[in-house]
Amino acid sequence: MHIAELNIAKWQFPADDPRAAGFINALDVVNATAERMPGFVWRLVGEGNNALDIAAFDDPAVIVNMSVWERVEDLEHFVWNTVHKRIYERKNEWFSALKSHHFVMWMVEEGYVPTVAEARERVAQLHAQGMTEARLYGANELDGVGGTGAVFLLLDEPEVYGLPPDPRVCTADLMTMYKRAGMAAIGMVAAAAISFLRGRA
């Protein structure tokens, strides 16, 4: 089995706006890098060397990319350890935040080419078939990481896939930790001052 993924983004401005050039000019490099990566199988391509011209949704500002990989680890390595990461970190320069799910993954048979419509309907179909344990992991913007930035379609408990049931980043409680450390420091200074004054008395 292979892993298919669909990623959705919405332009802040028209694609021919000069402000979009940074993203569009990087596409060929990012796509070429993906195709050279171990585990890469297939990616959605329109009339050009990318999928910008594919109108998968009614909103013309919405663009998609879709690809297939041998393993989740292969996709993860490409996303976070190549030029793709630098472009992803700049996404807010070009794209609006989406309130709906913008990334989904699911398993496909080797040699199968998925469709955009299939990705959109995946969760609804599974629930209709009684697979109520299917869920989108990372879609909750109120979770411990403020939304994971990626949504994974799971057919079982998160732990089965090696994912934490309640995702949190190590910096999530920094402000609380700083406040507690500050209060402790104040307490120590106050105790030292009292001790010093008592010594003088």
Protein backbone atom coordinates (compact mmCIF):
# COMPACT_ATOMS: atom_id res chain seq x y z
CA MET A 1 0.00 0.00 0.00
CA HIS A 2 1.04 3.58 -0.70
CA ILE A 3 0.11 6.92 0.88
CA ALA A 4 -1.85 9.57 -1.06
CA GLU A 5 -2.06 13.17 0.13
CA LEU A 6 -4.07 16.22 -0.85
CA ASN A 7 -3.02 19.72 0.20
CA ILE A 8 -5.25 22.76 -0.30
CA ALA A 9 -4.32 26.46 -0.21
CA LYS A 10 -6.14 29.72 -0.94
CA TRP A 11 -4.41 32.68 -2.51
CA GLN A 12 -4.48 36.03 -0.72
CA PHE A 13 -4.35 37.65 -4.17
CA PRO A 14 -4.56 36.57 -7.84
CA ALA A 15 -1.88 34.15 -9.01
CA ASP A 16 -0.63 36.70 -11.55
CA ASP A 17 -0.06 39.29 -8.82
CA PRO A 18 3.67 40.12 -8.46
CA ARG A 19 3.42 39.20 -4.77
CA ALA A 20 2.80 35.56 -5.77
CA ALA A 21 6.06 35.34 -7.72
CA GLY A 22 8.09 34.05 -4.79
CA PHE A 23 5.90 30.97 -4.51
CA ILE A 24 5.38 30.33 -8.22
CA ASN A 25 9.07 30.72 -9.05
CA ALA A 26 9.94 28.12 -6.42
CA LEU A 27 7.50 25.47 -7.67
CA ASP A 28 9.79 23.89 -10.27
CA VAL A 29 12.58 23.47 -7.74
CA VAL A 30 10.25 22.05 -5.08
CA ASN A 31 8.58 19.65 -7.52
CA ALA A 32 11.90 18.50 -8.98
CA THR A 33 13.16 17.86 -5.46
CA ALA A 34 10.07 15.79 -4.67
CA GLU A 35 10.53 13.67 -7.77
CA ARG A 36 14.12 12.85 -6.76
CA MET A 37 13.18 11.84 -3.23
CA PRO A 38 13.22 8.19 -2.11
CA GLY A 39 9.66 6.93 -1.89
CA PHE A 40 8.15 9.41 -4.37
CA VAL A 41 5.60 7.74 -6.66
CA TRP A 42 3.40 10.32 -8.42
CA ARG A 43 2.16 13.91 -8.28
CA LEU A 44 -0.76 15.78 -9.81
CA VAL A 45 0.27 17.79 -12.87
CA GLY A 46 -1.84 20.08 -15.05
CA GLU A 47 -0.95 21.70 -18.36
CA GLY A 48 2.30 23.04 -16.96
CA ASN A 49 4.76 21.36 -14.63
CA ASN A 50 2.48 21.98 -11.64
CA ALA A 51 -1.21 21.83 -10.66
CA LEU A 52 -1.96 25.56 -10.51
CA ASP A 53 -4.36 25.39 -13.45
CA ILE A 54 -6.44 22.54 -12.02
CA ALA A 55 -9.75 23.93 -10.72
CA ALA A 56 -10.59 21.34 -8.08
CA PHE A 57 -12.97 23.64 -6.19
CA ASP A 58 -15.54 26.29 -7.12
CA ASP A 59 -13.41 29.06 -5.63
CA PRO A 60 -10.81 30.07 -8.26
CA ALA A 61 -8.51 31.27 -5.48
CA VAL A 62 -8.17 27.72 -4.15
CA ILE A 63 -5.29 25.63 -5.47
CA VAL A 64 -4.34 22.04 -4.73
CA ASN A 65 -1.44 19.68 -4.94
CA MET A 66 -1.71 15.94 -4.62
CA SER A 67 0.90 13.22 -4.59
CA VAL A 68 1.51 9.57 -3.75
CA TRP A 69 4.40 8.21 -1.67
CA GLU A 70 5.55 4.76 -0.68
CA ARG A 71 5.55 5.57 3.04
CA VAL A 72 4.45 8.35 5.37
CA GLU A 73 8.09 8.68 6.44
CA ASP A 74 9.12 9.43 2.84
CA LEU A 75 6.60 12.27 2.58
CA GLU A 76 7.54 13.58 6.01
CA HIS A 77 11.23 13.65 5.08
CA PHE A 78 10.50 15.64 1.92
CA VAL A 79 8.25 18.11 3.75
CA TRP A 80 10.58 18.91 6.65
CA ASN A 81 14.11 18.22 5.38
CA THR A 82 14.29 19.80 1.92
CA VAL A 83 13.71 23.14 0.20
CA HIS A 84 9.99 22.47 0.69
CA LYS A 85 10.31 23.42 4.37
CA ARG A 86 11.62 26.91 3.51
CA ILE A 87 8.67 27.52 1.19
CA TYR A 88 6.19 26.10 3.70
CA GLU A 89 7.47 28.43 6.41
CA ARG A 90 6.64 31.40 4.15
CA LYS A 91 3.08 30.26 3.36
CA ASN A 92 1.49 33.18 5.21
CA GLU A 93 3.07 35.56 2.68
CA TRP A 94 0.92 34.09 -0.10
CA PHE A 95 -2.02 32.16 1.32
CA SER A 96 -4.96 32.82 3.60
CA ALA A 97 -5.68 30.69 6.65
CA LEU A 98 -8.35 28.11 5.89
CA LYS A 99 -11.10 27.34 8.39
CA SER A 100 -11.81 23.94 6.82
CA HIS A 101 -9.52 20.92 6.54
CA HIS A 102 -6.66 21.65 4.18
CA PHE A 103 -4.57 18.47 4.26
CA VAL A 104 -5.58 14.83 4.23
CA MET A 105 -3.78 11.52 3.71
CA TRP A 106 -5.12 8.06 2.98
CA MET A 107 -3.84 4.70 1.82
CA VAL A 108 -4.09 3.57 -1.81
CA GLU A 109 -3.13 0.43 -3.67
CA GLU A 110 0.22 0.45 -5.43
CA GLY A 111 -0.22 1.70 -8.99
CA TYR A 112 -3.49 3.48 -8.22
CA VAL A 113 -3.81 7.17 -9.18
CA PRO A 114 -6.14 9.01 -6.77
CA THR A 115 -8.46 11.89 -7.69
CA VAL A 116 -9.13 15.19 -5.95
CA ALA A 117 -12.82 14.33 -5.62
CA GLU A 118 -11.87 11.12 -3.84
CA ALA A 119 -9.89 13.06 -1.24
CA ARG A 120 -12.80 15.45 -0.59
CA GLU A 121 -15.27 12.64 -0.10
CA ARG A 122 -13.05 10.25 1.83
CA VAL A 123 -14.19 10.95 5.38
CA ALA A 124 -17.89 11.15 4.47
CA GLN A 125 -17.73 7.80 2.67
CA LEU A 126 -16.04 6.05 5.57
CA HIS A 127 -18.58 7.36 8.07
CA ALA A 128 -21.44 6.34 5.79
CA GLN A 129 -20.00 2.79 5.74
CA GLY A 130 -20.15 2.68 9.52
CA MET A 131 -16.46 3.31 10.09
CA THR A 132 -17.17 5.86 12.78
CA GLU A 133 -13.67 5.49 14.22
CA ALA A 134 -12.34 7.38 11.21
CA ARG A 135 -11.26 10.84 12.23
CA LEU A 136 -9.22 13.81 11.05
CA TYR A 137 -6.27 14.09 13.39
CA GLY A 138 -4.90 17.60 13.86
CA ALA A 139 -7.98 19.46 12.66
CA ASN A 140 -8.78 21.00 16.05
CA GLU A 141 -7.36 24.53 16.23
CA LEU A 142 -7.93 24.51 20.00
CA ASP A 143 -5.66 21.54 20.68
CA GLY A 144 -2.35 21.76 22.46
CA VAL A 145 -0.48 22.92 19.39
CA GLY A 146 -3.04 25.39 18.07
CA GLY A 147 -3.74 23.12 15.10
CA THR A 148 -0.99 20.89 13.76
CA GLY A 149 -0.91 22.59 10.35
CA ALA A 150 -1.67 19.20 8.78
CA VAL A 151 -4.72 16.96 8.99
CA PHE A 152 -4.34 13.19 8.88
CA LEU A 153 -7.13 10.76 8.09
CA LEU A 154 -6.88 7.97 10.68
CA LEU A 155 -8.83 4.73 10.68
CA ASP A 156 -7.90 3.86 14.24
CA GLU A 157 -6.71 5.42 17.49
CA PRO A 158 -3.80 7.90 17.07
CA GLU A 159 -1.49 5.67 19.15
CA VAL A 160 -1.73 2.94 16.50
CA TYR A 161 0.04 5.31 14.09
CA GLY A 162 2.60 6.43 16.64
CA LEU A 163 0.84 9.77 17.18
CA PRO A 164 0.11 11.30 20.60
CA PRO A 165 -3.59 11.25 21.55
CA ASP A 166 -3.33 14.83 22.84
CA PRO A 167 -0.67 16.62 20.76
CA ARG A 168 1.25 19.36 22.51
CA VAL A 169 4.41 21.25 21.69
CA CYS A 170 7.09 21.60 24.34
CA THR A 171 6.75 25.39 24.24
CA ALA A 172 2.97 25.39 24.79
CA ASP A 173 3.31 26.14 28.52
CA LEU A 174 6.26 28.51 28.34
CA MET A 175 4.34 31.54 29.60
CA THR A 176 3.07 29.63 32.62
CA MET A 177 6.55 28.29 33.28
CA TYR A 178 8.05 31.77 33.02
CA LYS A 179 5.46 33.17 35.43
CA ARG A 180 6.11 30.41 37.95
CA ALA A 181 9.87 30.85 37.63
CA GLY A 182 9.44 34.60 38.11
CA MET A 183 7.35 34.12 41.23
CA ALA A 184 9.89 31.65 42.60
CA ALA A 185 12.72 34.11 41.93
CA ILE A 186 10.81 36.91 43.68
CA GLY A 187 10.20 34.62 46.62
CA MET A 188 13.89 33.75 46.86
CA VAL A 189 14.91 37.42 46.72
CA ALA A 190 12.35 38.31 49.38
CA ALA A 191 13.55 35.48 51.63
CA ALA A 192 17.17 36.56 51.19
CA ALA A 193 16.26 40.19 52.00
CA ILE A 194 14.39 39.17 55.17
CA SER A 195 17.30 36.99 56.25
CA PHE A 196 19.75 39.85 55.65
CA LEU A 197 17.64 42.34 57.63
CA ARG A 198 17.24 39.92 60.52
CA GLY A 199 21.01 39.39 60.55
CA ARG A 200 21.62 43.12 60.83
CA ALA A 201 19.07 43.41 63.62
